[in-house]
Amino acid sequence: MAPSPTGRFHLGGARTALFDYLLARKTGGQ
């Protein structure tokens, strides 16, 4: 997903960050 100057990037970024956070917890990562 490429960065976008529109508001979609913020939503997508937050969603990705949340997904990474949950995945890290599930795998016992940082």
PDB file of N, CA and C in Angstrom:
ATOM      1  N   MET A   1       0.843  -1.200   0.000  1.00  0.00           N
ATOM      2  CA  MET A   1       0.000   0.000   0.000  1.00  0.00           C
ATOM      3  C   MET A   1       0.879   1.252   0.000  1.00  0.00           C
ATOM      4  N   ALA A   2       0.732   2.070  -1.013  1.00  0.00           N
ATOM      5  CA  ALA A   2       1.536   3.292  -1.100  1.00  0.00           C
ATOM      6  C   ALA A   2       0.893   4.409  -0.295  1.00  0.00           C
ATOM      7  N   PRO A   3       1.724   5.284   0.261  1.00  0.00           N
ATOM      8  CA  PRO A   3       1.203   6.415   1.044  1.00  0.00           C
ATOM      9  C   PRO A   3       0.327   7.310   0.183  1.00  0.00           C
ATOM     10  N   SER A   4      -0.748   7.807   0.758  1.00  0.00           N
ATOM     11  CA  SER A   4      -1.648   8.677   0.008  1.00  0.00           C
ATOM     12  C   SER A   4      -1.853   9.983   0.758  1.00  0.00           C
ATOM     13  N   PRO A   5      -1.896  11.107   0.042  1.00  0.00           N
ATOM     14  CA  PRO A   5      -2.083  12.421   0.670  1.00  0.00           C
ATOM     15  C   PRO A   5      -3.489  12.598   1.218  1.00  0.00           C
ATOM     16  N   THR A   6      -4.356  11.658   0.920  1.00  0.00           N
ATOM     17  CA  THR A   6      -5.740  11.756   1.384  1.00  0.00           C
ATOM     18  C   THR A   6      -5.877  11.173   2.778  1.00  0.00           C
ATOM     19  N   GLY A   7      -7.062  11.232   3.344  1.00  0.00           N
ATOM     20  CA  GLY A   7      -7.301  10.729   4.697  1.00  0.00           C
ATOM     21  C   GLY A   7      -7.244   9.208   4.759  1.00  0.00           C
ATOM     22  N   ARG A   8      -7.259   8.559   3.618  1.00  0.00           N
ATOM     23  CA  ARG A   8      -7.261   7.091   3.612  1.00  0.00           C
ATOM     24  C   ARG A   8      -5.970   6.517   4.180  1.00  0.00           C
ATOM     25  N   PHE A   9      -4.871   7.232   3.967  1.00  0.00           N
ATOM     26  CA  PHE A   9      -3.582   6.722   4.439  1.00  0.00           C
ATOM     27  C   PHE A   9      -3.571   6.613   5.958  1.00  0.00           C
ATOM     28  N   HIS A  10      -4.166   7.585   6.631  1.00  0.00           N
ATOM     29  CA  HIS A  10      -4.187   7.572   8.095  1.00  0.00           C
ATOM     30  C   HIS A  10      -4.962   6.347   8.586  1.00  0.00           C
ATOM     31  N   LEU A  11      -6.110   6.105   7.982  1.00  0.00           N
ATOM     32  CA  LEU A  11      -6.935   4.964   8.380  1.00  0.00           C
ATOM     33  C   LEU A  11      -6.217   3.658   8.064  1.00  0.00           C
ATOM     34  N   GLY A  12      -5.658   3.575   6.878  1.00  0.00           N
ATOM     35  CA  GLY A  12      -4.945   2.364   6.495  1.00  0.00           C
ATOM     36  C   GLY A  12      -3.723   2.135   7.365  1.00  0.00           C
ATOM     37  N   GLY A  13      -3.030   3.224   7.704  1.00  0.00           N
ATOM     38  CA  GLY A  13      -1.833   3.116   8.536  1.00  0.00           C
ATOM     39  C   GLY A  13      -2.179   2.612   9.925  1.00  0.00           C
ATOM     40  N   ALA A  14      -3.273   3.150  10.477  1.00  0.00           N
ATOM     41  CA  ALA A  14      -3.696   2.746  11.817  1.00  0.00           C
ATOM     42  C   ALA A  14      -4.112   1.279  11.797  1.00  0.00           C
ATOM     43  N   ARG A  15      -4.778   0.894  10.731  1.00  0.00           N
ATOM     44  CA  ARG A  15      -5.236  -0.483  10.601  1.00  0.00           C
ATOM     45  C   ARG A  15      -4.047  -1.441  10.505  1.00  0.00           C
ATOM     46  N   THR A  16      -3.055  -1.048   9.736  1.00  0.00           N
ATOM     47  CA  THR A  16      -1.855  -1.865   9.588  1.00  0.00           C
ATOM     48  C   THR A  16      -1.102  -1.967  10.905  1.00  0.00           C
ATOM     49  N   ALA A  17      -1.013  -0.836  11.613  1.00  0.00           N
ATOM     50  CA  ALA A  17      -0.304  -0.820  12.892  1.00  0.00           C
ATOM     51  C   ALA A  17      -1.002  -1.742  13.889  1.00  0.00           C
ATOM     52  N   LEU A  18      -2.328  -1.705  13.888  1.00  0.00           N
ATOM     53  CA  LEU A  18      -3.097  -2.544  14.803  1.00  0.00           C
ATOM     54  C   LEU A  18      -2.896  -4.016  14.454  1.00  0.00           C
ATOM     55  N   PHE A  19      -2.921  -4.318  13.156  1.00  0.00           N
ATOM     56  CA  PHE A  19      -2.729  -5.696  12.718  1.00  0.00           C
ATOM     57  C   PHE A  19      -1.357  -6.208  13.136  1.00  0.00           C
ATOM     58  N   ASP A  20      -0.333  -5.364  12.925  1.00  0.00           N
ATOM     59  CA  ASP A  20       1.032  -5.751  13.304  1.00  0.00           C
ATOM     60  C   ASP A  20       1.130  -5.965  14.804  1.00  0.00           C
ATOM     61  N   TYR A  21       0.432  -5.111  15.565  1.00  0.00           N
ATOM     62  CA  TYR A  21       0.468  -5.217  17.024  1.00  0.00           C
ATOM     63  C   TYR A  21      -0.149  -6.535  17.478  1.00  0.00           C
ATOM     64  N   LEU A  22      -1.300  -6.861  16.924  1.00  0.00           N
ATOM     65  CA  LEU A  22      -1.973  -8.105  17.302  1.00  0.00           C
ATOM     66  C   LEU A  22      -1.151  -9.316  16.871  1.00  0.00           C
ATOM     67  N   LEU A  23      -0.555  -9.235  15.690  1.00  0.00           N
ATOM     68  CA  LEU A  23       0.245 -10.344  15.187  1.00  0.00           C
ATOM     69  C   LEU A  23       1.470 -10.550  16.073  1.00  0.00           C
ATOM     70  N   ALA A  24       2.073  -9.445  16.504  1.00  0.00           N
ATOM     71  CA  ALA A  24       3.253  -9.534  17.363  1.00  0.00           C
ATOM     72  C   ALA A  24       2.889 -10.183  18.697  1.00  0.00           C
ATOM     73  N   ARG A  25       1.732  -9.820  19.236  1.00  0.00           N
ATOM     74  CA  ARG A  25       1.293 -10.401  20.505  1.00  0.00           C
ATOM     75  C   ARG A  25       1.031 -11.892  20.337  1.00  0.00           C
ATOM     76  N   LYS A  26       0.403 -12.246  19.216  1.00  0.00           N
ATOM     77  CA  LYS A  26       0.060 -13.643  18.970  1.00  0.00           C
ATOM     78  C   LYS A  26       1.309 -14.503  18.818  1.00  0.00           C
ATOM     79  N   THR A  27       2.334 -13.935  18.186  1.00  0.00           N
ATOM     80  CA  THR A  27       3.563 -14.686  17.957  1.00  0.00           C
ATOM     81  C   THR A  27       4.565 -14.496  19.079  1.00  0.00           C
ATOM     82  N   GLY A  28       4.198 -13.693  20.075  1.00  0.00           N
ATOM     83  CA  GLY A  28       5.089 -13.476  21.207  1.00  0.00           C
ATOM     84  C   GLY A  28       6.249 -12.575  20.845  1.00  0.00           C
ATOM     85  N   GLY A  29       6.056 -11.739  19.812  1.00  0.00           N
ATOM     86  CA  GLY A  29       7.117 -10.828  19.396  1.00  0.00           C
ATOM     87  C   GLY A  29       7.150  -9.593  20.266  1.00  0.00           C
ATOM     88  N   GLN A  30       7.881  -8.584  19.781  1.00  0.00           N
ATOM     89  CA  GLN A  30       8.021  -7.349  20.557  1.00  0.00           C
ATOM     90  C   GLN A  30       6.680  -6.635  20.602  1.00  0.00           C
TER      91      GLN A  30
END
